[in-house]
Amino acid sequence: MSRQKGDFAEKRAISFLQDRNFEIIEQNFYAKKLGEIDIIAKKDNTYHFCEVKSSDDYETAINNITPSKLSKIKRSIDYYLQIKKLNVAFCIDAIIVTNNEIELLENITL
């Protein structure tokens, strides 16, 4: 997927979260050698570390969340919490963006 399409999907995901009363904390947090967290949001005192995946169809998008990708996200979250000196409740979410729909999958694991 092109960077332009990815950026557009992330903008749609941010609007989606804001419409549901999430506070956007950061976008595209990059942890050296670990990976990137697409969106960090907060709602009801819980931090939501969101991975945005988009495709023409749901199945393709969801299958792009691999065990390896999830492992990188977890390490990036640990790094983020450490450097920000945060001890907070958090979960890992996926936001699946297709042509016609956006779906939030909260607290994902593999």
PDB file of N, CA and C in Angstrom:
ATOM      1  N   MET A   1       0.839  -1.180   0.000  1.00  0.00           N
ATOM      2  CA  MET A   1       0.000   0.000   0.000  1.00  0.00           C
ATOM      3  C   MET A   1       0.882   1.240   0.000  1.00  0.00           C
ATOM      4  N   SER A   2       0.446   2.227  -0.705  1.00  0.00           N
ATOM      5  CA  SER A   2       1.224   3.459  -0.786  1.00  0.00           C
ATOM      6  C   SER A   2       1.134   4.224   0.527  1.00  0.00           C
ATOM      7  N   ARG A   3       2.144   5.039   0.754  1.00  0.00           N
ATOM      8  CA  ARG A   3       2.183   5.877   1.958  1.00  0.00           C
ATOM      9  C   ARG A   3       0.970   6.808   1.986  1.00  0.00           C
ATOM     10  N   GLN A   4       0.589   7.291   0.828  1.00  0.00           N
ATOM     11  CA  GLN A   4      -0.553   8.204   0.729  1.00  0.00           C
ATOM     12  C   GLN A   4      -1.843   7.512   1.193  1.00  0.00           C
ATOM     13  N   LYS A   5      -2.059   6.275   0.749  1.00  0.00           N
ATOM     14  CA  LYS A   5      -3.246   5.530   1.169  1.00  0.00           C
ATOM     15  C   LYS A   5      -3.201   5.243   2.661  1.00  0.00           C
ATOM     16  N   GLY A   6      -2.013   4.920   3.170  1.00  0.00           N
ATOM     17  CA  GLY A   6      -1.851   4.659   4.600  1.00  0.00           C
ATOM     18  C   GLY A   6      -2.148   5.893   5.431  1.00  0.00           C
ATOM     19  N   ASP A   7      -1.650   7.049   4.984  1.00  0.00           N
ATOM     20  CA  ASP A   7      -1.915   8.300   5.688  1.00  0.00           C
ATOM     21  C   ASP A   7      -3.411   8.621   5.696  1.00  0.00           C
ATOM     22  N   PHE A   8      -4.061   8.381   4.560  1.00  0.00           N
ATOM     23  CA  PHE A   8      -5.493   8.636   4.469  1.00  0.00           C
ATOM     24  C   PHE A   8      -6.270   7.723   5.423  1.00  0.00           C
ATOM     25  N   ALA A   9      -5.873   6.453   5.488  1.00  0.00           N
ATOM     26  CA  ALA A   9      -6.524   5.503   6.396  1.00  0.00           C
ATOM     27  C   ALA A   9      -6.327   5.936   7.847  1.00  0.00           C
ATOM     28  N   GLU A  10      -5.133   6.423   8.200  1.00  0.00           N
ATOM     29  CA  GLU A  10      -4.880   6.880   9.565  1.00  0.00           C
ATOM     30  C   GLU A  10      -5.721   8.106   9.897  1.00  0.00           C
ATOM     31  N   LYS A  11      -5.888   9.013   8.951  1.00  0.00           N
ATOM     32  CA  LYS A  11      -6.738  10.189   9.186  1.00  0.00           C
ATOM     33  C   LYS A  11      -8.189   9.772   9.411  1.00  0.00           C
ATOM     34  N   ARG A  12      -8.657   8.819   8.633  1.00  0.00           N
ATOM     35  CA  ARG A  12     -10.015   8.297   8.834  1.00  0.00           C
ATOM     36  C   ARG A  12     -10.143   7.642  10.208  1.00  0.00           C
ATOM     37  N   ALA A  13      -9.113   6.907  10.610  1.00  0.00           N
ATOM     38  CA  ALA A  13      -9.129   6.231  11.903  1.00  0.00           C
ATOM     39  C   ALA A  13      -9.146   7.244  13.051  1.00  0.00           C
ATOM     40  N   ILE A  14      -8.380   8.324  12.924  1.00  0.00           N
ATOM     41  CA  ILE A  14      -8.359   9.357  13.962  1.00  0.00           C
ATOM     42  C   ILE A  14      -9.733  10.014  14.090  1.00  0.00           C
ATOM     43  N   SER A  15     -10.351  10.352  12.979  1.00  0.00           N
ATOM     44  CA  SER A  15     -11.703  10.931  13.017  1.00  0.00           C
ATOM     45  C   SER A  15     -12.686   9.973  13.663  1.00  0.00           C
ATOM     46  N   PHE A  16     -12.569   8.703  13.325  1.00  0.00           N
ATOM     47  CA  PHE A  16     -13.412   7.656  13.892  1.00  0.00           C
ATOM     48  C   PHE A  16     -13.272   7.625  15.416  1.00  0.00           C
ATOM     49  N   LEU A  17     -12.034   7.649  15.907  1.00  0.00           N
ATOM     50  CA  LEU A  17     -11.793   7.624  17.350  1.00  0.00           C
ATOM     51  C   LEU A  17     -12.314   8.892  18.021  1.00  0.00           C
ATOM     52  N   GLN A  18     -12.039  10.034  17.427  1.00  0.00           N
ATOM     53  CA  GLN A  18     -12.500  11.298  18.014  1.00  0.00           C
ATOM     54  C   GLN A  18     -14.025  11.353  18.087  1.00  0.00           C
ATOM     55  N   ASP A  19     -14.701  10.802  17.092  1.00  0.00           N
ATOM     56  CA  ASP A  19     -16.163  10.747  17.108  1.00  0.00           C
ATOM     57  C   ASP A  19     -16.682   9.892  18.257  1.00  0.00           C
ATOM     58  N   ARG A  20     -15.828   9.014  18.777  1.00  0.00           N
ATOM     59  CA  ARG A  20     -16.191   8.128  19.891  1.00  0.00           C
ATOM     60  C   ARG A  20     -15.550   8.582  21.208  1.00  0.00           C
ATOM     61  N   ASN A  21     -15.182   9.850  21.256  1.00  0.00           N
ATOM     62  CA  ASN A  21     -14.666  10.501  22.465  1.00  0.00           C
ATOM     63  C   ASN A  21     -13.305  10.004  22.938  1.00  0.00           C
ATOM     64  N   PHE A  22     -12.493   9.518  22.019  1.00  0.00           N
ATOM     65  CA  PHE A  22     -11.102   9.214  22.346  1.00  0.00           C
ATOM     66  C   PHE A  22     -10.300  10.513  22.218  1.00  0.00           C
ATOM     67  N   GLU A  23      -9.343  10.689  23.109  1.00  0.00           N
ATOM     68  CA  GLU A  23      -8.402  11.801  23.007  1.00  0.00           C
ATOM     69  C   GLU A  23      -7.160  11.286  22.296  1.00  0.00           C
ATOM     70  N   ILE A  24      -6.754  11.921  21.219  1.00  0.00           N
ATOM     71  CA  ILE A  24      -5.561  11.500  20.489  1.00  0.00           C
ATOM     72  C   ILE A  24      -4.348  12.079  21.205  1.00  0.00           C
ATOM     73  N   ILE A  25      -3.448  11.207  21.634  1.00  0.00           N
ATOM     74  CA  ILE A  25      -2.249  11.612  22.363  1.00  0.00           C
ATOM     75  C   ILE A  25      -1.077  11.813  21.403  1.00  0.00           C
ATOM     76  N   GLU A  26      -0.869  10.833  20.528  1.00  0.00           N
ATOM     77  CA  GLU A  26       0.237  10.910  19.562  1.00  0.00           C
ATOM     78  C   GLU A  26      -0.118  10.114  18.322  1.00  0.00           C
ATOM     79  N   GLN A  27       0.587  10.457  17.248  1.00  0.00           N
ATOM     80  CA  GLN A  27       0.468   9.741  15.978  1.00  0.00           C
ATOM     81  C   GLN A  27       1.859   9.328  15.526  1.00  0.00           C
ATOM     82  N   ASN A  28       1.953   8.160  14.958  1.00  0.00           N
ATOM     83  CA  ASN A  28       3.196   7.682  14.348  1.00  0.00           C
ATOM     84  C   ASN A  28       4.392   7.794  15.291  1.00  0.00           C
ATOM     85  N   PHE A  29       4.225   7.255  16.498  1.00  0.00           N
ATOM     86  CA  PHE A  29       5.331   7.224  17.454  1.00  0.00           C
ATOM     87  C   PHE A  29       6.320   6.168  16.982  1.00  0.00           C
ATOM     88  N   TYR A  30       7.531   6.591  16.754  1.00  0.00           N
ATOM     89  CA  TYR A  30       8.567   5.695  16.241  1.00  0.00           C
ATOM     90  C   TYR A  30       9.560   5.363  17.349  1.00  0.00           C
ATOM     91  N   ALA A  31       9.708   4.075  17.622  1.00  0.00           N
ATOM     92  CA  ALA A  31      10.680   3.594  18.597  1.00  0.00           C
ATOM     93  C   ALA A  31      11.838   2.990  17.821  1.00  0.00           C
ATOM     94  N   LYS A  32      13.001   3.589  17.953  1.00  0.00           N
ATOM     95  CA  LYS A  32      14.175   3.137  17.193  1.00  0.00           C
ATOM     96  C   LYS A  32      14.347   1.623  17.274  1.00  0.00           C
ATOM     97  N   LYS A  33      14.524   1.007  16.127  1.00  0.00           N
ATOM     98  CA  LYS A  33      14.791  -0.427  15.980  1.00  0.00           C
ATOM     99  C   LYS A  33      13.668  -1.326  16.502  1.00  0.00           C
ATOM    100  N   LEU A  34      12.585  -0.735  16.988  1.00  0.00           N
ATOM    101  CA  LEU A  34      11.494  -1.542  17.515  1.00  0.00           C
ATOM    102  C   LEU A  34      10.284  -1.518  16.594  1.00  0.00           C
ATOM    103  N   GLY A  35       9.905  -0.335  16.167  1.00  0.00           N
ATOM    104  CA  GLY A  35       8.751  -0.220  15.297  1.00  0.00           C
ATOM    105  C   GLY A  35       8.002   1.063  15.544  1.00  0.00           C
ATOM    106  N   GLU A  36       6.800   1.123  15.013  1.00  0.00           N
ATOM    107  CA  GLU A  36       5.993   2.337  15.076  1.00  0.00           C
ATOM    108  C   GLU A  36       4.624   2.008  15.656  1.00  0.00           C
ATOM    109  N   ILE A  37       4.104   2.950  16.420  1.00  0.00           N
ATOM    110  CA  ILE A  37       2.725   2.864  16.898  1.00  0.00           C
ATOM    111  C   ILE A  37       1.948   3.905  16.106  1.00  0.00           C
ATOM    112  N   ASP A  38       0.938   3.451  15.367  1.00  0.00           N
ATOM    113  CA  ASP A  38       0.214   4.355  14.475  1.00  0.00           C
ATOM    114  C   ASP A  38      -0.505   5.463  15.236  1.00  0.00           C
ATOM    115  N   ILE A  39      -1.300   5.070  16.228  1.00  0.00           N
ATOM    116  CA  ILE A  39      -2.078   6.054  16.990  1.00  0.00           C
ATOM    117  C   ILE A  39      -2.044   5.665  18.466  1.00  0.00           C
ATOM    118  N   ILE A  40      -1.791   6.662  19.305  1.00  0.00           N
ATOM    119  CA  ILE A  40      -1.911   6.484  20.752  1.00  0.00           C
ATOM    120  C   ILE A  40      -3.056   7.385  21.180  1.00  0.00           C
ATOM    121  N   ALA A  41      -4.077   6.766  21.763  1.00  0.00           N
ATOM    122  CA  ALA A  41      -5.266   7.502  22.176  1.00  0.00           C
ATOM    123  C   ALA A  41      -5.595   7.151  23.622  1.00  0.00           C
ATOM    124  N   LYS A  42      -6.471   7.947  24.196  1.00  0.00           N
ATOM    125  CA  LYS A  42      -6.845   7.727  25.595  1.00  0.00           C
ATOM    126  C   LYS A  42      -8.353   7.898  25.735  1.00  0.00           C
ATOM    127  N   LYS A  43      -8.955   6.999  26.504  1.00  0.00           N
ATOM    128  CA  LYS A  43     -10.382   7.101  26.809  1.00  0.00           C
ATOM    129  C   LYS A  43     -10.611   6.433  28.161  1.00  0.00           C
ATOM    130  N   ASP A  44     -11.349   7.112  29.021  1.00  0.00           N
ATOM    131  CA  ASP A  44     -11.681   6.569  30.344  1.00  0.00           C
ATOM    132  C   ASP A  44     -10.432   6.100  31.092  1.00  0.00           C
ATOM    133  N   ASN A  45      -9.380   6.909  31.072  1.00  0.00           N
ATOM    134  CA  ASN A  45      -8.132   6.636  31.789  1.00  0.00           C
ATOM    135  C   ASN A  45      -7.388   5.392  31.298  1.00  0.00           C
ATOM    136  N   THR A  46      -7.709   4.920  30.113  1.00  0.00           N
ATOM    137  CA  THR A  46      -6.993   3.799  29.511  1.00  0.00           C
ATOM    138  C   THR A  46      -6.338   4.272  28.222  1.00  0.00           C
ATOM    139  N   TYR A  47      -5.066   3.938  28.081  1.00  0.00           N
ATOM    140  CA  TYR A  47      -4.354   4.250  26.844  1.00  0.00           C
ATOM    141  C   TYR A  47      -4.653   3.150  25.835  1.00  0.00           C
ATOM    142  N   HIS A  48      -4.909   3.557  24.608  1.00  0.00           N
ATOM    143  CA  HIS A  48      -5.175   2.624  23.514  1.00  0.00           C
ATOM    144  C   HIS A  48      -4.071   2.804  22.475  1.00  0.00           C
ATOM    145  N   PHE A  49      -3.286   1.765  22.286  1.00  0.00           N
ATOM    146  CA  PHE A  49      -2.219   1.765  21.284  1.00  0.00           C
ATOM    147  C   PHE A  49      -2.802   1.093  20.043  1.00  0.00           C
ATOM    148  N   CYS A  50      -3.013   1.885  19.008  1.00  0.00           N
ATOM    149  CA  CYS A  50      -3.794   1.435  17.852  1.00  0.00           C
ATOM    150  C   CYS A  50      -2.927   1.183  16.623  1.00  0.00           C
ATOM    151  N   GLU A  51      -3.116   0.023  16.051  1.00  0.00           N
ATOM    152  CA  GLU A  51      -2.501  -0.340  14.778  1.00  0.00           C
ATOM    153  C   GLU A  51      -3.567  -0.191  13.705  1.00  0.00           C
ATOM    154  N   VAL A  52      -3.294   0.638  12.711  1.00  0.00           N
ATOM    155  CA  VAL A  52      -4.251   0.867  11.631  1.00  0.00           C
ATOM    156  C   VAL A  52      -3.864  -0.016  10.445  1.00  0.00           C
ATOM    157  N   LYS A  53      -4.818  -0.782   9.973  1.00  0.00           N
ATOM    158  CA  LYS A  53      -4.619  -1.619   8.790  1.00  0.00           C
ATOM    159  C   LYS A  53      -5.736  -1.331   7.807  1.00  0.00           C
ATOM    160  N   SER A  54      -5.372  -1.135   6.565  1.00  0.00           N
ATOM    161  CA  SER A  54      -6.393  -0.852   5.570  1.00  0.00           C
ATOM    162  C   SER A  54      -6.166  -1.680   4.315  1.00  0.00           C
ATOM    163  N   SER A  55      -7.263  -1.926   3.640  1.00  0.00           N
ATOM    164  CA  SER A  55      -7.238  -2.681   2.398  1.00  0.00           C
ATOM    165  C   SER A  55      -8.607  -2.529   1.746  1.00  0.00           C
ATOM    166  N   ASP A  56      -8.729  -3.057   0.550  1.00  0.00           N
ATOM    167  CA  ASP A  56     -10.029  -3.036  -0.117  1.00  0.00           C
ATOM    168  C   ASP A  56     -11.018  -3.953   0.592  1.00  0.00           C
ATOM    169  N   ASP A  57     -10.504  -4.994   1.273  1.00  0.00           N
ATOM    170  CA  ASP A  57     -11.409  -5.902   1.972  1.00  0.00           C
ATOM    171  C   ASP A  57     -10.899  -6.191   3.388  1.00  0.00           C
ATOM    172  N   TYR A  58     -11.829  -6.528   4.250  1.00  0.00           N
ATOM    173  CA  TYR A  58     -11.561  -6.742   5.675  1.00  0.00           C
ATOM    174  C   TYR A  58     -10.534  -7.852   5.901  1.00  0.00           C
ATOM    175  N   GLU A  59     -10.706  -8.963   5.220  1.00  0.00           N
ATOM    176  CA  GLU A  59      -9.842 -10.131   5.455  1.00  0.00           C
ATOM    177  C   GLU A  59      -8.375  -9.820   5.164  1.00  0.00           C
ATOM    178  N   THR A  60      -8.110  -9.147   4.075  1.00  0.00           N
ATOM    179  CA  THR A  60      -6.728  -8.784   3.740  1.00  0.00           C
ATOM    180  C   THR A  60      -6.142  -7.880   4.816  1.00  0.00           C
ATOM    181  N   ALA A  61      -6.911  -6.892   5.254  1.00  0.00           N
ATOM    182  CA  ALA A  61      -6.426  -5.955   6.270  1.00  0.00           C
ATOM    183  C   ALA A  61      -6.122  -6.669   7.580  1.00  0.00           C
ATOM    184  N   ILE A  62      -7.037  -7.488   8.043  1.00  0.00           N
ATOM    185  CA  ILE A  62      -6.862  -8.155   9.343  1.00  0.00           C
ATOM    186  C   ILE A  62      -5.709  -9.152   9.303  1.00  0.00           C
ATOM    187  N   ASN A  63      -5.501  -9.781   8.157  1.00  0.00           N
ATOM    188  CA  ASN A  63      -4.405 -10.753   8.045  1.00  0.00           C
ATOM    189  C   ASN A  63      -3.029 -10.106   8.026  1.00  0.00           C
ATOM    190  N   ASN A  64      -2.978  -8.787   7.886  1.00  0.00           N
ATOM    191  CA  ASN A  64      -1.702  -8.076   7.945  1.00  0.00           C
ATOM    192  C   ASN A  64      -1.239  -7.804   9.376  1.00  0.00           C
ATOM    193  N   ILE A  65      -2.044  -8.199  10.350  1.00  0.00           N
ATOM    194  CA  ILE A  65      -1.608  -8.115  11.750  1.00  0.00           C
ATOM    195  C   ILE A  65      -1.053  -9.485  12.119  1.00  0.00           C
ATOM    196  N   THR A  66       0.243  -9.602  11.991  1.00  0.00           N
ATOM    197  CA  THR A  66       0.918 -10.883  12.192  1.00  0.00           C
ATOM    198  C   THR A  66       1.477 -10.973  13.615  1.00  0.00           C
ATOM    199  N   PRO A  67       1.829 -12.172  14.061  1.00  0.00           N
ATOM    200  CA  PRO A  67       2.476 -12.296  15.375  1.00  0.00           C
ATOM    201  C   PRO A  67       3.749 -11.449  15.464  1.00  0.00           C
ATOM    202  N   SER A  68       4.508 -11.389  14.392  1.00  0.00           N
ATOM    203  CA  SER A  68       5.726 -10.576  14.377  1.00  0.00           C
ATOM    204  C   SER A  68       5.395  -9.096  14.547  1.00  0.00           C
ATOM    205  N   LYS A  69       4.373  -8.617  13.843  1.00  0.00           N
ATOM    206  CA  LYS A  69       3.962  -7.213  13.941  1.00  0.00           C
ATOM    207  C   LYS A  69       3.488  -6.904  15.358  1.00  0.00           C
ATOM    208  N   LEU A  70       2.696  -7.791  15.935  1.00  0.00           N
ATOM    209  CA  LEU A  70       2.187  -7.582  17.284  1.00  0.00           C
ATOM    210  C   LEU A  70       3.323  -7.560  18.303  1.00  0.00           C
ATOM    211  N   SER A  71       4.318  -8.393  18.106  1.00  0.00           N
ATOM    212  CA  SER A  71       5.487  -8.408  18.991  1.00  0.00           C
ATOM    213  C   SER A  71       6.234  -7.072  18.939  1.00  0.00           C
ATOM    214  N   LYS A  72       6.406  -6.531  17.745  1.00  0.00           N
ATOM    215  CA  LYS A  72       7.058  -5.221  17.593  1.00  0.00           C
ATOM    216  C   LYS A  72       6.249  -4.126  18.270  1.00  0.00           C
ATOM    217  N   ILE A  73       4.943  -4.193  18.126  1.00  0.00           N
ATOM    218  CA  ILE A  73       4.079  -3.201  18.769  1.00  0.00           C
ATOM    219  C   ILE A  73       4.241  -3.277  20.286  1.00  0.00           C
ATOM    220  N   LYS A  74       4.243  -4.479  20.832  1.00  0.00           N
ATOM    221  CA  LYS A  74       4.392  -4.638  22.285  1.00  0.00           C
ATOM    222  C   LYS A  74       5.714  -4.062  22.775  1.00  0.00           C
ATOM    223  N   ARG A  75       6.790  -4.305  22.045  1.00  0.00           N
ATOM    224  CA  ARG A  75       8.086  -3.748  22.438  1.00  0.00           C
ATOM    225  C   ARG A  75       8.082  -2.221  22.323  1.00  0.00           C
ATOM    226  N   SER A  76       7.437  -1.699  21.310  1.00  0.00           N
ATOM    227  CA  SER A  76       7.340  -0.245  21.150  1.00  0.00           C
ATOM    228  C   SER A  76       6.528   0.374  22.285  1.00  0.00           C
ATOM    229  N   ILE A  77       5.468  -0.296  22.706  1.00  0.00           N
ATOM    230  CA  ILE A  77       4.655   0.190  23.829  1.00  0.00           C
ATOM    231  C   ILE A  77       5.484   0.225  25.109  1.00  0.00           C
ATOM    232  N   ASP A  78       6.221  -0.838  25.356  1.00  0.00           N
ATOM    233  CA  ASP A  78       7.083  -0.876  26.547  1.00  0.00           C
ATOM    234  C   ASP A  78       8.057   0.298  26.544  1.00  0.00           C
ATOM    235  N   TYR A  79       8.641   0.567  25.395  1.00  0.00           N
ATOM    236  CA  TYR A  79       9.574   1.677  25.248  1.00  0.00           C
ATOM    237  C   TYR A  79       8.861   3.011  25.495  1.00  0.00           C
ATOM    238  N   TYR A  80       7.692   3.185  24.907  1.00  0.00           N
ATOM    239  CA  TYR A  80       6.915   4.415  25.073  1.00  0.00           C
ATOM    240  C   TYR A  80       6.600   4.656  26.551  1.00  0.00           C
ATOM    241  N   LEU A  81       6.095   3.634  27.223  1.00  0.00           N
ATOM    242  CA  LEU A  81       5.744   3.780  28.634  1.00  0.00           C
ATOM    243  C   LEU A  81       6.968   4.119  29.481  1.00  0.00           C
ATOM    244  N   GLN A  82       8.098   3.526  29.131  1.00  0.00           N
ATOM    245  CA  GLN A  82       9.337   3.777  29.872  1.00  0.00           C
ATOM    246  C   GLN A  82       9.806   5.222  29.685  1.00  0.00           C
ATOM    247  N   ILE A  83       9.882   5.690  28.452  1.00  0.00           N
ATOM    248  CA  ILE A  83      10.425   7.036  28.237  1.00  0.00           C
ATOM    249  C   ILE A  83       9.463   8.131  28.701  1.00  0.00           C
ATOM    250  N   LYS A  84       8.157   7.832  28.703  1.00  0.00           N
ATOM    251  CA  LYS A  84       7.165   8.806  29.174  1.00  0.00           C
ATOM    252  C   LYS A  84       6.916   8.675  30.678  1.00  0.00           C
ATOM    253  N   LYS A  85       7.563   7.667  31.279  1.00  0.00           N
ATOM    254  CA  LYS A  85       7.411   7.409  32.721  1.00  0.00           C
ATOM    255  C   LYS A  85       5.935   7.257  33.109  1.00  0.00           C
ATOM    256  N   LEU A  86       5.254   6.399  32.366  1.00  0.00           N
ATOM    257  CA  LEU A  86       3.830   6.160  32.595  1.00  0.00           C
ATOM    258  C   LEU A  86       3.604   4.785  33.211  1.00  0.00           C
ATOM    259  N   ASN A  87       2.728   4.742  34.171  1.00  0.00           N
ATOM    260  CA  ASN A  87       2.266   3.482  34.741  1.00  0.00           C
ATOM    261  C   ASN A  87       0.746   3.522  34.637  1.00  0.00           C
ATOM    262  N   VAL A  88       0.232   3.124  33.494  1.00  0.00           N
ATOM    263  CA  VAL A  88      -1.185   3.298  33.173  1.00  0.00           C
ATOM    264  C   VAL A  88      -1.790   2.000  32.646  1.00  0.00           C
ATOM    265  N   ALA A  89      -3.102   1.932  32.731  1.00  0.00           N
ATOM    266  CA  ALA A  89      -3.824   0.838  32.088  1.00  0.00           C
ATOM    267  C   ALA A  89      -3.775   1.072  30.583  1.00  0.00           C
ATOM    268  N   PHE A  90      -3.564  -0.009  29.819  1.00  0.00           N
ATOM    269  CA  PHE A  90      -3.513   0.144  28.370  1.00  0.00           C
ATOM    270  C   PHE A  90      -3.970  -1.128  27.677  1.00  0.00           C
ATOM    271  N   CYS A  91      -4.275  -0.981  26.402  1.00  0.00           N
ATOM    272  CA  CYS A  91      -4.593  -2.138  25.573  1.00  0.00           C
ATOM    273  C   CYS A  91      -4.100  -1.866  24.157  1.00  0.00           C
ATOM    274  N   ILE A  92      -3.982  -2.934  23.404  1.00  0.00           N
ATOM    275  CA  ILE A  92      -3.592  -2.850  21.999  1.00  0.00           C
ATOM    276  C   ILE A  92      -4.859  -3.058  21.174  1.00  0.00           C
ATOM    277  N   ASP A  93      -5.119  -2.108  20.290  1.00  0.00           N
ATOM    278  CA  ASP A  93      -6.304  -2.176  19.441  1.00  0.00           C
ATOM    279  C   ASP A  93      -5.895  -2.202  17.976  1.00  0.00           C
ATOM    280  N   ALA A  94      -6.774  -2.727  17.163  1.00  0.00           N
ATOM    281  CA  ALA A  94      -6.599  -2.656  15.707  1.00  0.00           C
ATOM    282  C   ALA A  94      -7.764  -1.856  15.150  1.00  0.00           C
ATOM    283  N   ILE A  95      -7.450  -0.994  14.202  1.00  0.00           N
ATOM    284  CA  ILE A  95      -8.496  -0.273  13.486  1.00  0.00           C
ATOM    285  C   ILE A  95      -8.410  -0.719  12.032  1.00  0.00           C
ATOM    286  N   ILE A  96      -9.452  -1.377  11.592  1.00  0.00           N
ATOM    287  CA  ILE A  96      -9.493  -1.927  10.237  1.00  0.00           C
ATOM    288  C   ILE A  96     -10.285  -0.958   9.359  1.00  0.00           C
ATOM    289  N   VAL A  97      -9.606  -0.444   8.339  1.00  0.00           N
ATOM    290  CA  VAL A  97     -10.209   0.533   7.438  1.00  0.00           C
ATOM    291  C   VAL A  97     -10.336  -0.112   6.059  1.00  0.00           C
ATOM    292  N   THR A  98     -11.579  -0.223   5.606  1.00  0.00           N
ATOM    293  CA  THR A  98     -11.823  -0.684   4.235  1.00  0.00           C
ATOM    294  C   THR A  98     -12.497   0.455   3.485  1.00  0.00           C
ATOM    295  N   ASN A  99     -12.802   0.231   2.241  1.00  0.00           N
ATOM    296  CA  ASN A  99     -13.388   1.292   1.424  1.00  0.00           C
ATOM    297  C   ASN A  99     -14.664   1.869   2.034  1.00  0.00           C
ATOM    298  N   ASN A 100     -15.489   0.998   2.618  1.00  0.00           N
ATOM    299  CA  ASN A 100     -16.806   1.434   3.079  1.00  0.00           C
ATOM    300  C   ASN A 100     -16.977   1.439   4.587  1.00  0.00           C
ATOM    301  N   GLU A 101     -15.983   0.971   5.325  1.00  0.00           N
ATOM    302  CA  GLU A 101     -16.224   0.715   6.736  1.00  0.00           C
ATOM    303  C   GLU A 101     -14.957   0.908   7.565  1.00  0.00           C
ATOM    304  N   ILE A 102     -15.157   1.230   8.842  1.00  0.00           N
ATOM    305  CA  ILE A 102     -14.070   1.265   9.813  1.00  0.00           C
ATOM    306  C   ILE A 102     -14.532   0.460  11.013  1.00  0.00           C
ATOM    307  N   GLU A 103     -13.664  -0.424  11.489  1.00  0.00           N
ATOM    308  CA  GLU A 103     -14.011  -1.237  12.654  1.00  0.00           C
ATOM    309  C   GLU A 103     -12.876  -1.171  13.665  1.00  0.00           C
ATOM    310  N   LEU A 104     -13.243  -0.973  14.938  1.00  0.00           N
ATOM    311  CA  LEU A 104     -12.289  -0.963  16.038  1.00  0.00           C
ATOM    312  C   LEU A 104     -12.353  -2.312  16.733  1.00  0.00           C
ATOM    313  N   LEU A 105     -11.196  -2.971  16.787  1.00  0.00           N
ATOM    314  CA  LEU A 105     -11.072  -4.234  17.508  1.00  0.00           C
ATOM    315  C   LEU A 105     -10.228  -3.946  18.744  1.00  0.00           C
ATOM    316  N   GLU A 106     -10.872  -3.929  19.903  1.00  0.00           N
ATOM    317  CA  GLU A 106     -10.170  -3.557  21.125  1.00  0.00           C
ATOM    318  C   GLU A 106      -9.502  -4.757  21.764  1.00  0.00           C
ATOM    319  N   ASN A 107      -8.344  -4.476  22.370  1.00  0.00           N
ATOM    320  CA  ASN A 107      -7.619  -5.438  23.192  1.00  0.00           C
ATOM    321  C   ASN A 107      -7.288  -6.722  22.426  1.00  0.00           C
ATOM    322  N   ILE A 108      -6.591  -6.550  21.306  1.00  0.00           N
ATOM    323  CA  ILE A 108      -6.273  -7.712  20.473  1.00  0.00           C
ATOM    324  C   ILE A 108      -5.072  -8.470  21.020  1.00  0.00           C
ATOM    325  N   THR A 109      -5.044  -9.743  20.765  1.00  0.00           N
ATOM    326  CA  THR A 109      -3.903 -10.607  21.063  1.00  0.00           C
ATOM    327  C   THR A 109      -3.851 -11.673  19.982  1.00  0.00           C
ATOM    328  N   LEU A 110      -2.706 -12.315  19.873  1.00  0.00           N
ATOM    329  CA  LEU A 110      -2.580 -13.439  18.937  1.00  0.00           C
ATOM    330  C   LEU A 110      -2.154 -14.667  19.698  1.00  0.00           C
TER     331      LEU A 110
END
